[in-house]
Amino acid sequence: MAGNNYWRERNKPYTPGQKEVFKVSRSKIELFMQCPRCFWLDARLKIKRPDGPPFQINKAIDELFKKEFDVYRAQGQPHPMMTEFKIKAVPFAHDNMDTWRANFTGVATVHEPTNLHVFGAVDDIWVNDTSELIVVDYKATAKQADVSLDADWQISYKRQMEVYQWLLRANGFKVSDTGYFVYTNGRLDMDGFNDRVEFRTKIIPYVGNDSWIESTLIKMKECLEGDMPAIGTAAMGGDCDYCTYARQRTELTLAAIKNKKSLA
């Protein structure tokens, strides 16, 4: 908790024209992609979107996956799942792995054209037989259908991986375009709970393309320096649900106040 408070104190609102580097996480890049207005409100005024419920089970699965792959990292051997899915690689051993995995440090670089300190916490990194680093992301769900990356909303997963690939390249590493999602699915076809959920796990390859990141960082800097963007500029298409709700809630509140005054 103390670490979280320290981060919030240090991450001050952006001031137009500032010379000090400004920190933007991988999730803030995604926020900008979804809605520049929400990003501007967050960065300039510290008005954040409402938090969703914490996914504690997903977090637990992430931690267990890390422990599991770390056993093979220490041995310099592939995890049996890597062998099953014919991935010629081993978990990458590096002194900075703990830092790269930590939420408030992650893999980081300063993007000189914008003076933005960009960072993101990876789930895992593997290395193949040509010394290329492989970005790996853990995902968990529970549904009847088999897991895949086919849904439109999963573009955020793909952009997430591409940011990590870009960050590692910015740190001088040779990085494979192909990353992997270790995607596990809680089985719903069991007879009962019995204090246990069984999972089926797939390793899904994804060929990333980080060419969009440089231009996006430039646009983010322009957004930070400018006035608040208008509603309806959501990069995902259509109006942002959060902005639309805030506008409608304000209109209803003002209408209620006006009505109350007219009745007085």
C-alpha atoms as a PDB file:
ATOM      1  CA  MET A   1       0.000   0.000   0.000  1.00  0.00           C
ATOM      2  CA  ALA A   2       2.820   2.411   0.847  1.00  0.00           C
ATOM      3  CA  GLY A   3       4.318   1.849  -2.584  1.00  0.00           C
ATOM      4  CA  ASN A   4       1.007   2.713  -4.252  1.00  0.00           C
ATOM      5  CA  ASN A   5       0.711   5.955  -2.290  1.00  0.00           C
ATOM      6  CA  TYR A   6       4.278   6.898  -3.178  1.00  0.00           C
ATOM      7  CA  TRP A   7       3.523   6.395  -6.859  1.00  0.00           C
ATOM      8  CA  ARG A   8       0.396   8.540  -6.715  1.00  0.00           C
ATOM      9  CA  GLU A   9       2.270  11.332  -4.957  1.00  0.00           C
ATOM     10  CA  ARG A  10       5.085  11.258  -7.490  1.00  0.00           C
ATOM     11  CA  ASN A  11       2.855  11.024 -10.559  1.00  0.00           C
ATOM     12  CA  LYS A  12       1.683  14.621 -10.613  1.00  0.00           C
ATOM     13  CA  PRO A  13      -0.830  16.010 -13.120  1.00  0.00           C
ATOM     14  CA  TYR A  14       0.685  16.969 -16.434  1.00  0.00           C
ATOM     15  CA  THR A  15       1.396  20.676 -16.879  1.00  0.00           C
ATOM     16  CA  PRO A  16       1.515  21.987 -20.469  1.00  0.00           C
ATOM     17  CA  GLY A  17       5.060  22.864 -21.439  1.00  0.00           C
ATOM     18  CA  GLN A  18       6.650  20.990 -18.553  1.00  0.00           C
ATOM     19  CA  LYS A  19      10.286  19.938 -18.936  1.00  0.00           C
ATOM     20  CA  GLU A  20      10.093  17.081 -16.442  1.00  0.00           C
ATOM     21  CA  VAL A  21       9.466  13.634 -17.919  1.00  0.00           C
ATOM     22  CA  PHE A  22       5.873  12.437 -17.593  1.00  0.00           C
ATOM     23  CA  LYS A  23       5.149   8.807 -16.799  1.00  0.00           C
ATOM     24  CA  VAL A  24       2.635   6.918 -18.919  1.00  0.00           C
ATOM     25  CA  SER A  25       1.958   3.260 -18.281  1.00  0.00           C
ATOM     26  CA  ARG A  26       0.948   0.687 -20.854  1.00  0.00           C
ATOM     27  CA  SER A  27      -2.608   0.985 -19.523  1.00  0.00           C
ATOM     28  CA  LYS A  28      -2.596   4.766 -20.102  1.00  0.00           C
ATOM     29  CA  ILE A  29      -1.655   4.168 -23.728  1.00  0.00           C
ATOM     30  CA  GLU A  30      -4.638   1.840 -23.971  1.00  0.00           C
ATOM     31  CA  LEU A  31      -6.819   4.468 -22.272  1.00  0.00           C
ATOM     32  CA  PHE A  32      -5.780   7.015 -24.909  1.00  0.00           C
ATOM     33  CA  MET A  33      -6.560   4.534 -27.676  1.00  0.00           C
ATOM     34  CA  GLN A  34     -10.031   4.020 -26.237  1.00  0.00           C
ATOM     35  CA  CYS A  35     -10.792   7.674 -25.483  1.00  0.00           C
ATOM     36  CA  PRO A  36      -8.441  10.695 -25.685  1.00  0.00           C
ATOM     37  CA  ARG A  37     -10.864  12.692 -23.500  1.00  0.00           C
ATOM     38  CA  CYS A  38     -10.695  10.143 -20.664  1.00  0.00           C
ATOM     39  CA  PHE A  39      -6.897  10.116 -21.002  1.00  0.00           C
ATOM     40  CA  TRP A  40      -6.750  13.934 -20.862  1.00  0.00           C
ATOM     41  CA  LEU A  41      -8.968  14.080 -17.771  1.00  0.00           C
ATOM     42  CA  ASP A  42      -6.816  11.444 -16.075  1.00  0.00           C
ATOM     43  CA  ALA A  43      -3.441  12.995 -16.930  1.00  0.00           C
ATOM     44  CA  ARG A  44      -4.274  16.688 -16.649  1.00  0.00           C
ATOM     45  CA  LEU A  45      -6.862  16.752 -13.842  1.00  0.00           C
ATOM     46  CA  LYS A  46      -6.434  13.345 -12.179  1.00  0.00           C
ATOM     47  CA  ILE A  47     -10.104  12.554 -12.831  1.00  0.00           C
ATOM     48  CA  LYS A  48     -10.044   8.816 -13.354  1.00  0.00           C
ATOM     49  CA  ARG A  49     -12.570   6.417 -14.761  1.00  0.00           C
ATOM     50  CA  PRO A  50     -14.417   4.491 -12.031  1.00  0.00           C
ATOM     51  CA  ASP A  51     -12.507   1.361 -11.075  1.00  0.00           C
ATOM     52  CA  GLY A  52     -14.018  -1.981 -11.960  1.00  0.00           C
ATOM     53  CA  PRO A  53     -14.093  -4.910  -9.538  1.00  0.00           C
ATOM     54  CA  PRO A  54     -10.705  -6.505  -8.826  1.00  0.00           C
ATOM     55  CA  PHE A  55     -10.138  -9.819 -10.601  1.00  0.00           C
ATOM     56  CA  GLN A  56      -8.578 -11.572  -7.628  1.00  0.00           C
ATOM     57  CA  ILE A  57      -8.855 -15.089  -9.086  1.00  0.00           C
ATOM     58  CA  ASN A  58      -7.112 -13.954 -12.280  1.00  0.00           C
ATOM     59  CA  LYS A  59      -4.420 -12.325 -10.154  1.00  0.00           C
ATOM     60  CA  ALA A  60      -3.930 -15.551  -8.207  1.00  0.00           C
ATOM     61  CA  ILE A  61      -3.600 -17.528 -11.455  1.00  0.00           C
ATOM     62  CA  ASP A  62      -1.013 -15.039 -12.733  1.00  0.00           C
ATOM     63  CA  GLU A  63       1.061 -15.447  -9.580  1.00  0.00           C
ATOM     64  CA  LEU A  64       0.864 -19.245  -9.734  1.00  0.00           C
ATOM     65  CA  PHE A  65       1.859 -19.267 -13.398  1.00  0.00           C
ATOM     66  CA  LYS A  66       4.886 -17.118 -12.551  1.00  0.00           C
ATOM     67  CA  LYS A  67       5.964 -19.478  -9.785  1.00  0.00           C
ATOM     68  CA  GLU A  68       5.499 -22.458 -12.091  1.00  0.00           C
ATOM     69  CA  PHE A  69       7.541 -21.013 -14.966  1.00  0.00           C
ATOM     70  CA  ASP A  70      10.188 -19.741 -12.540  1.00  0.00           C
ATOM     71  CA  VAL A  71      11.001 -23.336 -11.585  1.00  0.00           C
ATOM     72  CA  TYR A  72      11.966 -24.045 -15.191  1.00  0.00           C
ATOM     73  CA  ARG A  73      13.650 -20.643 -15.527  1.00  0.00           C
ATOM     74  CA  ALA A  74      16.036 -21.605 -12.722  1.00  0.00           C
ATOM     75  CA  GLN A  75      16.750 -24.927 -14.467  1.00  0.00           C
ATOM     76  CA  GLY A  76      17.199 -23.364 -17.898  1.00  0.00           C
ATOM     77  CA  GLN A  77      14.654 -25.850 -19.233  1.00  0.00           C
ATOM     78  CA  PRO A  78      11.377 -25.448 -21.171  1.00  0.00           C
ATOM     79  CA  HIS A  79       8.112 -25.795 -19.308  1.00  0.00           C
ATOM     80  CA  PRO A  80       6.260 -28.982 -20.378  1.00  0.00           C
ATOM     81  CA  MET A  81       3.540 -26.799 -21.962  1.00  0.00           C
ATOM     82  CA  MET A  82       6.171 -25.167 -24.161  1.00  0.00           C
ATOM     83  CA  THR A  83       7.232 -28.619 -25.319  1.00  0.00           C
ATOM     84  CA  GLU A  84       3.596 -29.662 -25.845  1.00  0.00           C
ATOM     85  CA  PHE A  85       2.929 -26.656 -28.086  1.00  0.00           C
ATOM     86  CA  LYS A  86       6.277 -27.133 -29.905  1.00  0.00           C
ATOM     87  CA  ILE A  87       7.759 -23.801 -28.803  1.00  0.00           C
ATOM     88  CA  LYS A  88      11.538 -23.886 -29.048  1.00  0.00           C
ATOM     89  CA  ALA A  89      12.352 -21.599 -26.149  1.00  0.00           C
ATOM     90  CA  VAL A  90      13.011 -21.490 -22.411  1.00  0.00           C
ATOM     91  CA  PRO A  91      11.919 -18.977 -19.761  1.00  0.00           C
ATOM     92  CA  PHE A  92      14.332 -16.033 -19.899  1.00  0.00           C
ATOM     93  CA  ALA A  93      16.626 -15.629 -16.880  1.00  0.00           C
ATOM     94  CA  HIS A  94      17.659 -12.028 -16.198  1.00  0.00           C
ATOM     95  CA  ASP A  95      18.548 -10.007 -13.107  1.00  0.00           C
ATOM     96  CA  ASN A  96      15.803  -7.479 -13.933  1.00  0.00           C
ATOM     97  CA  MET A  97      12.903  -9.947 -14.175  1.00  0.00           C
ATOM     98  CA  ASP A  98      11.417  -8.903 -10.812  1.00  0.00           C
ATOM     99  CA  THR A  99      11.632  -5.227 -11.802  1.00  0.00           C
ATOM    100  CA  TRP A 100      10.127  -5.893 -15.223  1.00  0.00           C
ATOM    101  CA  ARG A 101       7.206  -7.708 -13.600  1.00  0.00           C
ATOM    102  CA  ALA A 102       6.497  -5.079 -10.934  1.00  0.00           C
ATOM    103  CA  ASN A 103       3.430  -2.907 -11.611  1.00  0.00           C
ATOM    104  CA  PHE A 104       5.022   0.445 -10.787  1.00  0.00           C
ATOM    105  CA  THR A 105       8.377  -0.070 -12.522  1.00  0.00           C
ATOM    106  CA  GLY A 106       8.046  -2.615 -15.332  1.00  0.00           C
ATOM    107  CA  VAL A 107      10.118  -2.453 -18.500  1.00  0.00           C
ATOM    108  CA  ALA A 108      10.699   1.275 -19.025  1.00  0.00           C
ATOM    109  CA  THR A 109      12.180   3.789 -21.432  1.00  0.00           C
ATOM    110  CA  VAL A 110      12.062   7.526 -22.004  1.00  0.00           C
ATOM    111  CA  HIS A 111      10.698   8.357 -25.439  1.00  0.00           C
ATOM    112  CA  GLU A 112      12.928  11.306 -26.313  1.00  0.00           C
ATOM    113  CA  PRO A 113      10.719  13.024 -28.940  1.00  0.00           C
ATOM    114  CA  THR A 114       7.899  13.407 -26.367  1.00  0.00           C
ATOM    115  CA  ASN A 115       9.790  13.192 -23.048  1.00  0.00           C
ATOM    116  CA  LEU A 116       7.316  10.523 -21.964  1.00  0.00           C
ATOM    117  CA  HIS A 117       8.545   7.862 -19.543  1.00  0.00           C
ATOM    118  CA  VAL A 118       6.800   4.773 -20.915  1.00  0.00           C
ATOM    119  CA  PHE A 119       6.594   1.598 -18.844  1.00  0.00           C
ATOM    120  CA  GLY A 120       4.688  -1.663 -18.594  1.00  0.00           C
ATOM    121  CA  ALA A 121       4.847  -4.754 -16.367  1.00  0.00           C
ATOM    122  CA  VAL A 122       5.244  -8.001 -18.291  1.00  0.00           C
ATOM    123  CA  ASP A 123       3.921 -11.349 -17.103  1.00  0.00           C
ATOM    124  CA  ASP A 124       6.782 -13.351 -18.550  1.00  0.00           C
ATOM    125  CA  ILE A 125       9.589 -13.357 -21.092  1.00  0.00           C
ATOM    126  CA  TRP A 126      10.992 -16.394 -22.882  1.00  0.00           C
ATOM    127  CA  VAL A 127      14.032 -16.637 -25.129  1.00  0.00           C
ATOM    128  CA  ASN A 128      14.276 -18.749 -28.288  1.00  0.00           C
ATOM    129  CA  ASP A 129      17.213 -20.578 -29.810  1.00  0.00           C
ATOM    130  CA  THR A 130      18.261 -17.508 -31.825  1.00  0.00           C
ATOM    131  CA  SER A 131      18.483 -15.352 -28.656  1.00  0.00           C
ATOM    132  CA  GLU A 132      15.305 -13.422 -29.448  1.00  0.00           C
ATOM    133  CA  LEU A 133      13.164 -12.456 -26.474  1.00  0.00           C
ATOM    134  CA  ILE A 134       9.534 -13.574 -26.574  1.00  0.00           C
ATOM    135  CA  VAL A 135       6.833 -11.577 -24.775  1.00  0.00           C
ATOM    136  CA  VAL A 136       4.375 -13.789 -22.901  1.00  0.00           C
ATOM    137  CA  ASP A 137       1.087 -12.729 -21.343  1.00  0.00           C
ATOM    138  CA  TYR A 138      -1.065 -14.814 -19.013  1.00  0.00           C
ATOM    139  CA  LYS A 139      -4.840 -14.699 -19.449  1.00  0.00           C
ATOM    140  CA  ALA A 140      -7.601 -16.499 -17.552  1.00  0.00           C
ATOM    141  CA  THR A 141     -11.335 -16.887 -18.087  1.00  0.00           C
ATOM    142  CA  ALA A 142     -14.161 -19.375 -17.568  1.00  0.00           C
ATOM    143  CA  LYS A 143     -16.567 -20.056 -20.429  1.00  0.00           C
ATOM    144  CA  GLN A 144     -18.091 -22.895 -22.420  1.00  0.00           C
ATOM    145  CA  ALA A 145     -16.366 -22.013 -25.690  1.00  0.00           C
ATOM    146  CA  ASP A 146     -12.691 -22.603 -26.352  1.00  0.00           C
ATOM    147  CA  VAL A 147     -10.385 -19.631 -25.769  1.00  0.00           C
ATOM    148  CA  SER A 148      -9.168 -17.611 -28.735  1.00  0.00           C
ATOM    149  CA  LEU A 149      -8.120 -14.090 -29.737  1.00  0.00           C
ATOM    150  CA  ASP A 150     -10.930 -13.613 -32.247  1.00  0.00           C
ATOM    151  CA  ALA A 151     -13.180 -11.136 -30.390  1.00  0.00           C
ATOM    152  CA  ASP A 152     -13.022  -7.457 -31.404  1.00  0.00           C
ATOM    153  CA  TRP A 153     -12.473  -6.313 -27.807  1.00  0.00           C
ATOM    154  CA  GLN A 154      -9.321  -8.453 -27.587  1.00  0.00           C
ATOM    155  CA  ILE A 155      -7.503  -5.852 -29.677  1.00  0.00           C
ATOM    156  CA  SER A 156      -6.525  -4.446 -26.271  1.00  0.00           C
ATOM    157  CA  TYR A 157      -4.711  -7.728 -25.485  1.00  0.00           C
ATOM    158  CA  LYS A 158      -2.810  -7.486 -28.759  1.00  0.00           C
ATOM    159  CA  ARG A 159      -1.854  -3.844 -28.232  1.00  0.00           C
ATOM    160  CA  GLN A 160      -0.697  -4.747 -24.732  1.00  0.00           C
ATOM    161  CA  MET A 161       1.734  -7.307 -26.099  1.00  0.00           C
ATOM    162  CA  GLU A 162       2.968  -4.919 -28.787  1.00  0.00           C
ATOM    163  CA  VAL A 163       3.764  -2.251 -26.186  1.00  0.00           C
ATOM    164  CA  TYR A 164       5.867  -4.765 -24.260  1.00  0.00           C
ATOM    165  CA  GLN A 165       7.674  -5.773 -27.454  1.00  0.00           C
ATOM    166  CA  TRP A 166       8.358  -2.105 -28.227  1.00  0.00           C
ATOM    167  CA  LEU A 167       9.649  -1.455 -24.702  1.00  0.00           C
ATOM    168  CA  LEU A 168      12.072  -4.369 -24.789  1.00  0.00           C
ATOM    169  CA  ARG A 169      13.361  -3.233 -28.189  1.00  0.00           C
ATOM    170  CA  ALA A 170      13.803   0.280 -26.798  1.00  0.00           C
ATOM    171  CA  ASN A 171      16.007  -1.294 -24.116  1.00  0.00           C
ATOM    172  CA  GLY A 172      18.295  -2.777 -26.751  1.00  0.00           C
ATOM    173  CA  PHE A 173      17.004  -6.354 -26.836  1.00  0.00           C
ATOM    174  CA  LYS A 174      16.374  -8.410 -29.925  1.00  0.00           C
ATOM    175  CA  VAL A 175      12.669  -9.296 -29.751  1.00  0.00           C
ATOM    176  CA  SER A 176      10.645 -11.806 -31.719  1.00  0.00           C
ATOM    177  CA  ASP A 177       7.570 -10.468 -33.510  1.00  0.00           C
ATOM    178  CA  THR A 178       5.761 -13.565 -32.261  1.00  0.00           C
ATOM    179  CA  GLY A 179       4.576 -13.489 -28.685  1.00  0.00           C
ATOM    180  CA  TYR A 180       2.413 -15.978 -26.801  1.00  0.00           C
ATOM    181  CA  PHE A 181      -0.718 -15.841 -24.689  1.00  0.00           C
ATOM    182  CA  VAL A 182      -0.833 -18.550 -22.045  1.00  0.00           C
ATOM    183  CA  TYR A 183      -4.616 -18.636 -21.934  1.00  0.00           C
ATOM    184  CA  THR A 184      -6.373 -20.818 -19.359  1.00  0.00           C
ATOM    185  CA  ASN A 185     -10.083 -21.574 -19.238  1.00  0.00           C
ATOM    186  CA  GLY A 186     -11.995 -22.710 -16.166  1.00  0.00           C
ATOM    187  CA  ARG A 187     -14.084 -25.792 -16.983  1.00  0.00           C
ATOM    188  CA  LEU A 188     -17.845 -25.420 -16.619  1.00  0.00           C
ATOM    189  CA  ASP A 189     -18.609 -29.026 -17.564  1.00  0.00           C
ATOM    190  CA  MET A 190     -17.709 -30.552 -14.200  1.00  0.00           C
ATOM    191  CA  ASP A 191     -20.267 -32.238 -11.934  1.00  0.00           C
ATOM    192  CA  GLY A 192     -19.691 -29.838  -9.049  1.00  0.00           C
ATOM    193  CA  PHE A 193     -17.342 -27.369  -7.395  1.00  0.00           C
ATOM    194  CA  ASN A 194     -15.972 -29.508  -4.517  1.00  0.00           C
ATOM    195  CA  ASP A 195     -13.500 -26.751  -3.558  1.00  0.00           C
ATOM    196  CA  ARG A 196     -11.738 -27.034  -6.896  1.00  0.00           C
ATOM    197  CA  VAL A 197     -11.891 -25.500 -10.362  1.00  0.00           C
ATOM    198  CA  GLU A 198     -10.192 -27.374 -13.171  1.00  0.00           C
ATOM    199  CA  PHE A 199      -8.643 -25.485 -16.079  1.00  0.00           C
ATOM    200  CA  ARG A 200      -7.585 -26.219 -19.629  1.00  0.00           C
ATOM    201  CA  THR A 201      -4.667 -24.113 -20.870  1.00  0.00           C
ATOM    202  CA  LYS A 202      -3.663 -23.226 -24.424  1.00  0.00           C
ATOM    203  CA  ILE A 203      -0.641 -21.327 -25.651  1.00  0.00           C
ATOM    204  CA  ILE A 204      -1.795 -19.050 -28.471  1.00  0.00           C
ATOM    205  CA  PRO A 205       0.786 -17.352 -30.730  1.00  0.00           C
ATOM    206  CA  TYR A 206       0.328 -13.778 -31.858  1.00  0.00           C
ATOM    207  CA  VAL A 207       2.477 -11.894 -34.379  1.00  0.00           C
ATOM    208  CA  GLY A 208       2.752  -8.337 -33.122  1.00  0.00           C
ATOM    209  CA  ASN A 209       3.352  -5.090 -34.984  1.00  0.00           C
ATOM    210  CA  ASP A 210       4.466  -2.171 -32.828  1.00  0.00           C
ATOM    211  CA  SER A 211       4.659   0.364 -35.692  1.00  0.00           C
ATOM    212  CA  TRP A 212       1.645   2.281 -34.293  1.00  0.00           C
ATOM    213  CA  ILE A 213       3.292   3.147 -30.980  1.00  0.00           C
ATOM    214  CA  GLU A 214       5.634   5.960 -32.067  1.00  0.00           C
ATOM    215  CA  SER A 215       2.869   7.967 -33.750  1.00  0.00           C
ATOM    216  CA  THR A 216       0.513   7.263 -30.848  1.00  0.00           C
ATOM    217  CA  LEU A 217       2.995   8.680 -28.325  1.00  0.00           C
ATOM    218  CA  ILE A 218       3.273  11.826 -30.456  1.00  0.00           C
ATOM    219  CA  LYS A 219      -0.532  12.155 -30.451  1.00  0.00           C
ATOM    220  CA  MET A 220      -0.636  11.573 -26.698  1.00  0.00           C
ATOM    221  CA  LYS A 221       1.841  14.401 -26.154  1.00  0.00           C
ATOM    222  CA  GLU A 222      -0.216  16.709 -28.383  1.00  0.00           C
ATOM    223  CA  CYS A 223      -3.302  15.740 -26.385  1.00  0.00           C
ATOM    224  CA  LEU A 224      -1.534  16.527 -23.100  1.00  0.00           C
ATOM    225  CA  GLU A 225      -0.514  19.946 -24.396  1.00  0.00           C
ATOM    226  CA  GLY A 226      -3.931  20.831 -25.803  1.00  0.00           C
ATOM    227  CA  ASP A 227      -7.452  21.523 -24.600  1.00  0.00           C
ATOM    228  CA  MET A 228      -9.805  18.796 -23.440  1.00  0.00           C
ATOM    229  CA  PRO A 229     -10.907  16.689 -26.436  1.00  0.00           C
ATOM    230  CA  ALA A 230     -14.579  16.652 -27.338  1.00  0.00           C
ATOM    231  CA  ILE A 231     -16.873  13.722 -26.622  1.00  0.00           C
ATOM    232  CA  GLY A 232     -17.117  11.393 -29.584  1.00  0.00           C
ATOM    233  CA  THR A 233     -13.436  11.000 -30.392  1.00  0.00           C
ATOM    234  CA  ALA A 234     -13.091   7.493 -28.954  1.00  0.00           C
ATOM    235  CA  ALA A 235     -10.528   5.561 -30.969  1.00  0.00           C
ATOM    236  CA  MET A 236     -12.563   2.371 -30.617  1.00  0.00           C
ATOM    237  CA  GLY A 237     -15.365   3.950 -32.687  1.00  0.00           C
ATOM    238  CA  GLY A 238     -18.448   5.842 -31.527  1.00  0.00           C
ATOM    239  CA  ASP A 239     -18.903   7.743 -28.313  1.00  0.00           C
ATOM    240  CA  CYS A 240     -17.067   6.711 -25.159  1.00  0.00           C
ATOM    241  CA  ASP A 241     -19.501   5.078 -22.726  1.00  0.00           C
ATOM    242  CA  TYR A 242     -17.874   6.793 -19.752  1.00  0.00           C
ATOM    243  CA  CYS A 243     -18.019  10.262 -21.304  1.00  0.00           C
ATOM    244  CA  THR A 244     -21.582   9.714 -22.501  1.00  0.00           C
ATOM    245  CA  TYR A 245     -22.685   8.654 -19.024  1.00  0.00           C
ATOM    246  CA  ALA A 246     -20.969  11.645 -17.402  1.00  0.00           C
ATOM    247  CA  ARG A 247     -22.656  14.042 -19.847  1.00  0.00           C
ATOM    248  CA  GLN A 248     -26.101  12.501 -19.372  1.00  0.00           C
ATOM    249  CA  ARG A 249     -25.681  12.408 -15.600  1.00  0.00           C
ATOM    250  CA  THR A 250     -24.754  16.093 -15.586  1.00  0.00           C
ATOM    251  CA  GLU A 251     -27.726  16.975 -17.798  1.00  0.00           C
ATOM    252  CA  LEU A 252     -30.100  15.081 -15.492  1.00  0.00           C
ATOM    253  CA  THR A 253     -28.635  16.767 -12.422  1.00  0.00           C
ATOM    254  CA  LEU A 254     -28.949  20.237 -13.944  1.00  0.00           C
ATOM    255  CA  ALA A 255     -32.508  19.487 -15.074  1.00  0.00           C
ATOM    256  CA  ALA A 256     -33.427  18.338 -11.558  1.00  0.00           C
ATOM    257  CA  ILE A 257     -31.979  21.517 -10.043  1.00  0.00           C
ATOM    258  CA  LYS A 258     -33.851  23.668 -12.567  1.00  0.00           C
ATOM    259  CA  ASN A 259     -37.089  21.796 -11.893  1.00  0.00           C
ATOM    260  CA  LYS A 260     -36.647  22.158  -8.137  1.00  0.00           C
ATOM    261  CA  LYS A 261     -36.163  25.920  -8.489  1.00  0.00           C
ATOM    262  CA  SER A 262     -39.252  26.269 -10.682  1.00  0.00           C
ATOM    263  CA  LEU A 263     -41.356  24.493  -8.031  1.00  0.00           C
ATOM    264  CA  ALA A 264     -40.007  26.625  -5.190  1.00  0.00           C
END
